Amino acid sequence: MNETESPAPAGNVRQRAFNVVGWIAFLLLVPPALSMIGLPRLQELISTRLGAWGSPVALVIYFYVILFLRVFFGSDQRYTPVLMGYLASFAYFSNSLDIGFMAWLRELSSGVPFLSYRYMSFIAGVATIFIANALSDAKKGNWIVDAILLVLLPAGALVAAGVYLPGLLGL
């Protein structure tokens, strides 16, 4: 390194490490997702070994906690899309998993035919988190664009999937 180059900031290693940890957090969503598509063995194993601490709801909570660490210690530039993404994805996860205090939302959405597919809501929740993570890395942004991309786009995709996919998949 010559004299005109500056060393890398100390936070870069920490930021990269927490970014990786944040991406690894998505593995916590695999057991509930597999259970939803009819492969419950991994979720049952985790629930048997850990009890309530290994329930699908607990895994989603751990997922959010680890993502929060990624946001707090990682390389995120903006927090507005992260908070919006957390709220929107939690609504989608509440529609797909049995979250006790959110049962009212699940009951309400089960009455609407195109919102009654649990796995589609789960996918919308995961997609919302992916979009929120991407938006949080941008140095500049607009909360209106964030709201459109994090709330309206996944909701529209969920409605479209609920209307068109069941017919195509024979559900």
C-alpha atoms as a PDB file:
ATOM      1  CA  MET A   1       0.000   0.000   0.000  1.00  0.00           C
ATOM      2  CA  ASN A   2       1.451   3.366  -0.923  1.00  0.00           C
ATOM      3  CA  GLU A   3       1.159   6.553   1.089  1.00  0.00           C
ATOM      4  CA  THR A   4      -1.854   7.918  -0.833  1.00  0.00           C
ATOM      5  CA  GLU A   5      -4.022   4.878  -0.133  1.00  0.00           C
ATOM      6  CA  SER A   6      -5.860   4.777   3.159  1.00  0.00           C
ATOM      7  CA  PRO A   7      -6.438   1.554   5.028  1.00  0.00           C
ATOM      8  CA  ALA A   8      -9.931   0.070   4.965  1.00  0.00           C
ATOM      9  CA  PRO A   9     -12.162   1.375   7.750  1.00  0.00           C
ATOM     10  CA  ALA A  10     -12.299  -0.919  10.780  1.00  0.00           C
ATOM     11  CA  GLY A  11     -16.065  -1.323  10.475  1.00  0.00           C
ATOM     12  CA  ASN A  12     -15.886  -3.016   7.090  1.00  0.00           C
ATOM     13  CA  VAL A  13     -15.051  -6.446   8.504  1.00  0.00           C
ATOM     14  CA  ARG A  14     -17.736  -6.098  11.172  1.00  0.00           C
ATOM     15  CA  GLN A  15     -20.282  -4.894   8.621  1.00  0.00           C
ATOM     16  CA  ARG A  16     -19.540  -7.733   6.223  1.00  0.00           C
ATOM     17  CA  ALA A  17     -19.716 -10.287   9.028  1.00  0.00           C
ATOM     18  CA  PHE A  18     -23.119  -9.054  10.198  1.00  0.00           C
ATOM     19  CA  ASN A  19     -24.377  -8.888   6.619  1.00  0.00           C
ATOM     20  CA  VAL A  20     -23.489 -12.578   6.266  1.00  0.00           C
ATOM     21  CA  VAL A  21     -25.140 -13.351   9.613  1.00  0.00           C
ATOM     22  CA  GLY A  22     -28.257 -11.572   8.368  1.00  0.00           C
ATOM     23  CA  TRP A  23     -28.388 -13.707   5.244  1.00  0.00           C
ATOM     24  CA  ILE A  24     -27.849 -16.848   7.301  1.00  0.00           C
ATOM     25  CA  ALA A  25     -30.917 -15.853   9.365  1.00  0.00           C
ATOM     26  CA  PHE A  26     -33.071 -16.850   6.408  1.00  0.00           C
ATOM     27  CA  LEU A  27     -32.219 -20.483   7.242  1.00  0.00           C
ATOM     28  CA  LEU A  28     -34.495 -20.116  10.279  1.00  0.00           C
ATOM     29  CA  LEU A  29     -37.434 -19.815   7.884  1.00  0.00           C
ATOM     30  CA  VAL A  30     -36.710 -23.160   6.209  1.00  0.00           C
ATOM     31  CA  PRO A  31     -38.417 -25.422   8.815  1.00  0.00           C
ATOM     32  CA  PRO A  32     -41.736 -23.490   8.795  1.00  0.00           C
ATOM     33  CA  ALA A  33     -41.619 -23.273   4.993  1.00  0.00           C
ATOM     34  CA  LEU A  34     -41.017 -27.005   4.611  1.00  0.00           C
ATOM     35  CA  SER A  35     -43.791 -27.726   7.093  1.00  0.00           C
ATOM     36  CA  MET A  36     -46.176 -25.565   5.084  1.00  0.00           C
ATOM     37  CA  ILE A  37     -45.565 -27.535   1.888  1.00  0.00           C
ATOM     38  CA  GLY A  38     -46.141 -30.868   3.593  1.00  0.00           C
ATOM     39  CA  LEU A  39     -42.641 -31.737   4.833  1.00  0.00           C
ATOM     40  CA  PRO A  40     -42.986 -31.187   8.599  1.00  0.00           C
ATOM     41  CA  ARG A  41     -40.202 -33.510   9.793  1.00  0.00           C
ATOM     42  CA  LEU A  42     -37.548 -30.785  10.352  1.00  0.00           C
ATOM     43  CA  GLN A  43     -40.019 -28.513  12.146  1.00  0.00           C
ATOM     44  CA  GLU A  44     -41.225 -31.406  14.303  1.00  0.00           C
ATOM     45  CA  LEU A  45     -37.643 -32.304  15.209  1.00  0.00           C
ATOM     46  CA  ILE A  46     -36.862 -28.723  16.233  1.00  0.00           C
ATOM     47  CA  SER A  47     -40.130 -28.383  18.150  1.00  0.00           C
ATOM     48  CA  THR A  48     -39.559 -31.711  19.936  1.00  0.00           C
ATOM     49  CA  ARG A  49     -36.046 -30.795  21.002  1.00  0.00           C
ATOM     50  CA  LEU A  50     -36.691 -27.167  21.935  1.00  0.00           C
ATOM     51  CA  GLY A  51     -40.374 -27.181  22.855  1.00  0.00           C
ATOM     52  CA  ALA A  52     -42.049 -23.799  22.474  1.00  0.00           C
ATOM     53  CA  TRP A  53     -38.621 -22.275  21.792  1.00  0.00           C
ATOM     54  CA  GLY A  54     -38.549 -24.222  18.513  1.00  0.00           C
ATOM     55  CA  SER A  55     -42.056 -23.416  17.299  1.00  0.00           C
ATOM     56  CA  PRO A  56     -42.502 -21.761  13.885  1.00  0.00           C
ATOM     57  CA  VAL A  57     -43.411 -18.485  15.602  1.00  0.00           C
ATOM     58  CA  ALA A  58     -40.248 -18.619  17.731  1.00  0.00           C
ATOM     59  CA  LEU A  59     -38.139 -19.257  14.615  1.00  0.00           C
ATOM     60  CA  VAL A  60     -39.666 -16.196  12.945  1.00  0.00           C
ATOM     61  CA  ILE A  61     -38.920 -14.121  16.067  1.00  0.00           C
ATOM     62  CA  TYR A  62     -35.298 -15.341  16.040  1.00  0.00           C
ATOM     63  CA  PHE A  63     -35.186 -14.455  12.352  1.00  0.00           C
ATOM     64  CA  TYR A  64     -36.249 -10.880  13.094  1.00  0.00           C
ATOM     65  CA  VAL A  65     -33.786 -10.555  15.987  1.00  0.00           C
ATOM     66  CA  ILE A  66     -30.877 -11.711  13.840  1.00  0.00           C
ATOM     67  CA  LEU A  67     -31.974  -9.429  11.004  1.00  0.00           C
ATOM     68  CA  PHE A  68     -32.080  -6.566  13.488  1.00  0.00           C
ATOM     69  CA  LEU A  69     -28.454  -7.317  14.374  1.00  0.00           C
ATOM     70  CA  ARG A  70     -27.628  -7.227  10.666  1.00  0.00           C
ATOM     71  CA  VAL A  71     -29.347  -3.872  10.315  1.00  0.00           C
ATOM     72  CA  PHE A  72     -27.786  -2.411  13.444  1.00  0.00           C
ATOM     73  CA  PHE A  73     -24.214  -3.645  12.944  1.00  0.00           C
ATOM     74  CA  GLY A  74     -24.174  -4.253   9.176  1.00  0.00           C
ATOM     75  CA  SER A  75     -23.825  -1.889   6.273  1.00  0.00           C
ATOM     76  CA  ASP A  76     -27.389  -0.580   6.083  1.00  0.00           C
ATOM     77  CA  GLN A  77     -27.690   3.092   5.225  1.00  0.00           C
ATOM     78  CA  ARG A  78     -31.412   3.658   5.824  1.00  0.00           C
ATOM     79  CA  TYR A  79     -33.732   2.291   8.515  1.00  0.00           C
ATOM     80  CA  THR A  80     -37.128   3.379   7.150  1.00  0.00           C
ATOM     81  CA  PRO A  81     -37.375   0.555   4.596  1.00  0.00           C
ATOM     82  CA  VAL A  82     -36.266  -1.952   7.218  1.00  0.00           C
ATOM     83  CA  LEU A  83     -38.992  -0.913   9.660  1.00  0.00           C
ATOM     84  CA  MET A  84     -41.613  -0.856   6.906  1.00  0.00           C
ATOM     85  CA  GLY A  85     -40.414  -4.245   5.709  1.00  0.00           C
ATOM     86  CA  TYR A  86     -40.589  -5.694   9.228  1.00  0.00           C
ATOM     87  CA  LEU A  87     -44.177  -4.504   9.680  1.00  0.00           C
ATOM     88  CA  ALA A  88     -45.388  -5.636   6.264  1.00  0.00           C
ATOM     89  CA  SER A  89     -43.627  -8.996   6.416  1.00  0.00           C
ATOM     90  CA  PHE A  90     -44.971  -9.617   9.922  1.00  0.00           C
ATOM     91  CA  ALA A  91     -48.492  -9.170   8.553  1.00  0.00           C
ATOM     92  CA  TYR A  92     -47.727 -11.735   5.832  1.00  0.00           C
ATOM     93  CA  PHE A  93     -46.131 -14.141   8.312  1.00  0.00           C
ATOM     94  CA  SER A  94     -49.143 -13.683  10.614  1.00  0.00           C
ATOM     95  CA  ASN A  95     -51.366 -14.758   7.740  1.00  0.00           C
ATOM     96  CA  SER A  96     -49.276 -17.869   7.131  1.00  0.00           C
ATOM     97  CA  LEU A  97     -48.287 -18.991  10.658  1.00  0.00           C
ATOM     98  CA  ASP A  98     -50.302 -19.468  13.837  1.00  0.00           C
ATOM     99  CA  ILE A  99     -49.314 -16.362  15.771  1.00  0.00           C
ATOM    100  CA  GLY A 100     -51.692 -16.239  18.728  1.00  0.00           C
ATOM    101  CA  PHE A 101     -52.362 -12.525  19.111  1.00  0.00           C
ATOM    102  CA  MET A 102     -52.633 -12.102  15.315  1.00  0.00           C
ATOM    103  CA  ALA A 103     -55.342 -14.770  14.898  1.00  0.00           C
ATOM    104  CA  TRP A 104     -57.845 -12.043  14.012  1.00  0.00           C
ATOM    105  CA  LEU A 105     -55.858 -11.188  10.864  1.00  0.00           C
ATOM    106  CA  ARG A 106     -55.633 -14.820   9.840  1.00  0.00           C
ATOM    107  CA  GLU A 107     -59.371 -15.319  10.349  1.00  0.00           C
ATOM    108  CA  LEU A 108     -60.143 -12.154   8.407  1.00  0.00           C
ATOM    109  CA  SER A 109     -57.939 -13.108   5.467  1.00  0.00           C
ATOM    110  CA  SER A 110     -59.174 -16.714   5.367  1.00  0.00           C
ATOM    111  CA  GLY A 111     -62.565 -15.360   4.317  1.00  0.00           C
ATOM    112  CA  VAL A 112     -61.010 -13.811   1.222  1.00  0.00           C
ATOM    113  CA  PRO A 113     -60.353 -16.637  -1.280  1.00  0.00           C
ATOM    114  CA  PHE A 114     -57.190 -15.229  -2.838  1.00  0.00           C
ATOM    115  CA  LEU A 115     -55.610 -14.521   0.573  1.00  0.00           C
ATOM    116  CA  SER A 116     -56.326 -17.929   2.082  1.00  0.00           C
ATOM    117  CA  TYR A 117     -53.193 -19.616   0.701  1.00  0.00           C
ATOM    118  CA  ARG A 118     -50.737 -19.695   3.619  1.00  0.00           C
ATOM    119  CA  TYR A 119     -47.615 -20.457   1.622  1.00  0.00           C
ATOM    120  CA  MET A 120     -48.219 -17.510  -0.721  1.00  0.00           C
ATOM    121  CA  SER A 121     -48.365 -15.158   2.265  1.00  0.00           C
ATOM    122  CA  PHE A 122     -45.170 -16.721   3.608  1.00  0.00           C
ATOM    123  CA  ILE A 123     -43.406 -16.140   0.277  1.00  0.00           C
ATOM    124  CA  ALA A 124     -44.693 -12.543   0.231  1.00  0.00           C
ATOM    125  CA  GLY A 125     -43.219 -12.029   3.731  1.00  0.00           C
ATOM    126  CA  VAL A 126     -39.817 -13.359   2.662  1.00  0.00           C
ATOM    127  CA  ALA A 127     -39.878 -11.282  -0.537  1.00  0.00           C
ATOM    128  CA  THR A 128     -40.734  -8.172   1.476  1.00  0.00           C
ATOM    129  CA  ILE A 129     -37.702  -8.704   3.709  1.00  0.00           C
ATOM    130  CA  PHE A 130     -35.467  -9.178   0.651  1.00  0.00           C
ATOM    131  CA  ILE A 131     -36.762  -5.922  -0.863  1.00  0.00           C
ATOM    132  CA  ALA A 132     -36.362  -4.093   2.479  1.00  0.00           C
ATOM    133  CA  ASN A 133     -32.753  -5.280   2.766  1.00  0.00           C
ATOM    134  CA  ALA A 134     -32.015  -4.097  -0.760  1.00  0.00           C
ATOM    135  CA  LEU A 135     -33.616  -0.703  -0.144  1.00  0.00           C
ATOM    136  CA  SER A 136     -31.796  -0.240   3.155  1.00  0.00           C
ATOM    137  CA  ASP A 137     -28.436  -0.337   1.393  1.00  0.00           C
ATOM    138  CA  ALA A 138     -29.317   2.673  -0.774  1.00  0.00           C
ATOM    139  CA  LYS A 139     -27.806   5.923   0.461  1.00  0.00           C
ATOM    140  CA  LYS A 140     -30.756   7.982  -0.720  1.00  0.00           C
ATOM    141  CA  GLY A 141     -34.380   7.071  -0.879  1.00  0.00           C
ATOM    142  CA  ASN A 142     -37.915   8.241  -0.584  1.00  0.00           C
ATOM    143  CA  TRP A 143     -40.355   6.797   1.929  1.00  0.00           C
ATOM    144  CA  ILE A 144     -43.155   6.901  -0.669  1.00  0.00           C
ATOM    145  CA  VAL A 145     -41.136   4.679  -3.014  1.00  0.00           C
ATOM    146  CA  ASP A 146     -40.301   2.454  -0.040  1.00  0.00           C
ATOM    147  CA  ALA A 147     -43.998   2.118   0.819  1.00  0.00           C
ATOM    148  CA  ILE A 148     -44.904   1.276  -2.767  1.00  0.00           C
ATOM    149  CA  LEU A 149     -42.174  -1.351  -3.043  1.00  0.00           C
ATOM    150  CA  LEU A 150     -42.648  -2.839   0.439  1.00  0.00           C
ATOM    151  CA  VAL A 151     -46.397  -2.678   0.911  1.00  0.00           C
ATOM    152  CA  LEU A 152     -48.225  -2.262  -2.380  1.00  0.00           C
ATOM    153  CA  LEU A 153     -46.010  -4.393  -4.649  1.00  0.00           C
ATOM    154  CA  PRO A 154     -45.989  -7.539  -2.431  1.00  0.00           C
ATOM    155  CA  ALA A 155     -49.696  -7.108  -1.630  1.00  0.00           C
ATOM    156  CA  GLY A 156     -50.508  -6.804  -5.329  1.00  0.00           C
ATOM    157  CA  ALA A 157     -48.346  -9.820  -6.118  1.00  0.00           C
ATOM    158  CA  LEU A 158     -50.060 -11.785  -3.335  1.00  0.00           C
ATOM    159  CA  VAL A 159     -53.506 -10.919  -4.662  1.00  0.00           C
ATOM    160  CA  ALA A 160     -52.477 -11.743  -8.252  1.00  0.00           C
ATOM    161  CA  ALA A 161     -50.907 -15.036  -7.147  1.00  0.00           C
ATOM    162  CA  GLY A 162     -54.014 -15.913  -5.157  1.00  0.00           C
ATOM    163  CA  VAL A 163     -56.240 -15.199  -8.135  1.00  0.00           C
ATOM    164  CA  TYR A 164     -54.221 -16.836 -10.918  1.00  0.00           C
ATOM    165  CA  LEU A 165     -51.927 -19.497  -9.410  1.00  0.00           C
ATOM    166  CA  PRO A 166     -54.556 -21.792  -7.864  1.00  0.00           C
ATOM    167  CA  GLY A 167     -56.137 -22.282 -11.282  1.00  0.00           C
ATOM    168  CA  LEU A 168     -52.795 -22.852 -12.928  1.00  0.00           C
ATOM    169  CA  LEU A 169     -51.590 -25.244 -10.202  1.00  0.00           C
ATOM    170  CA  GLY A 170     -54.926 -27.026  -9.860  1.00  0.00           C
ATOM    171  CA  LEU A 171     -55.459 -26.045  -6.228  1.00  0.00           C
END
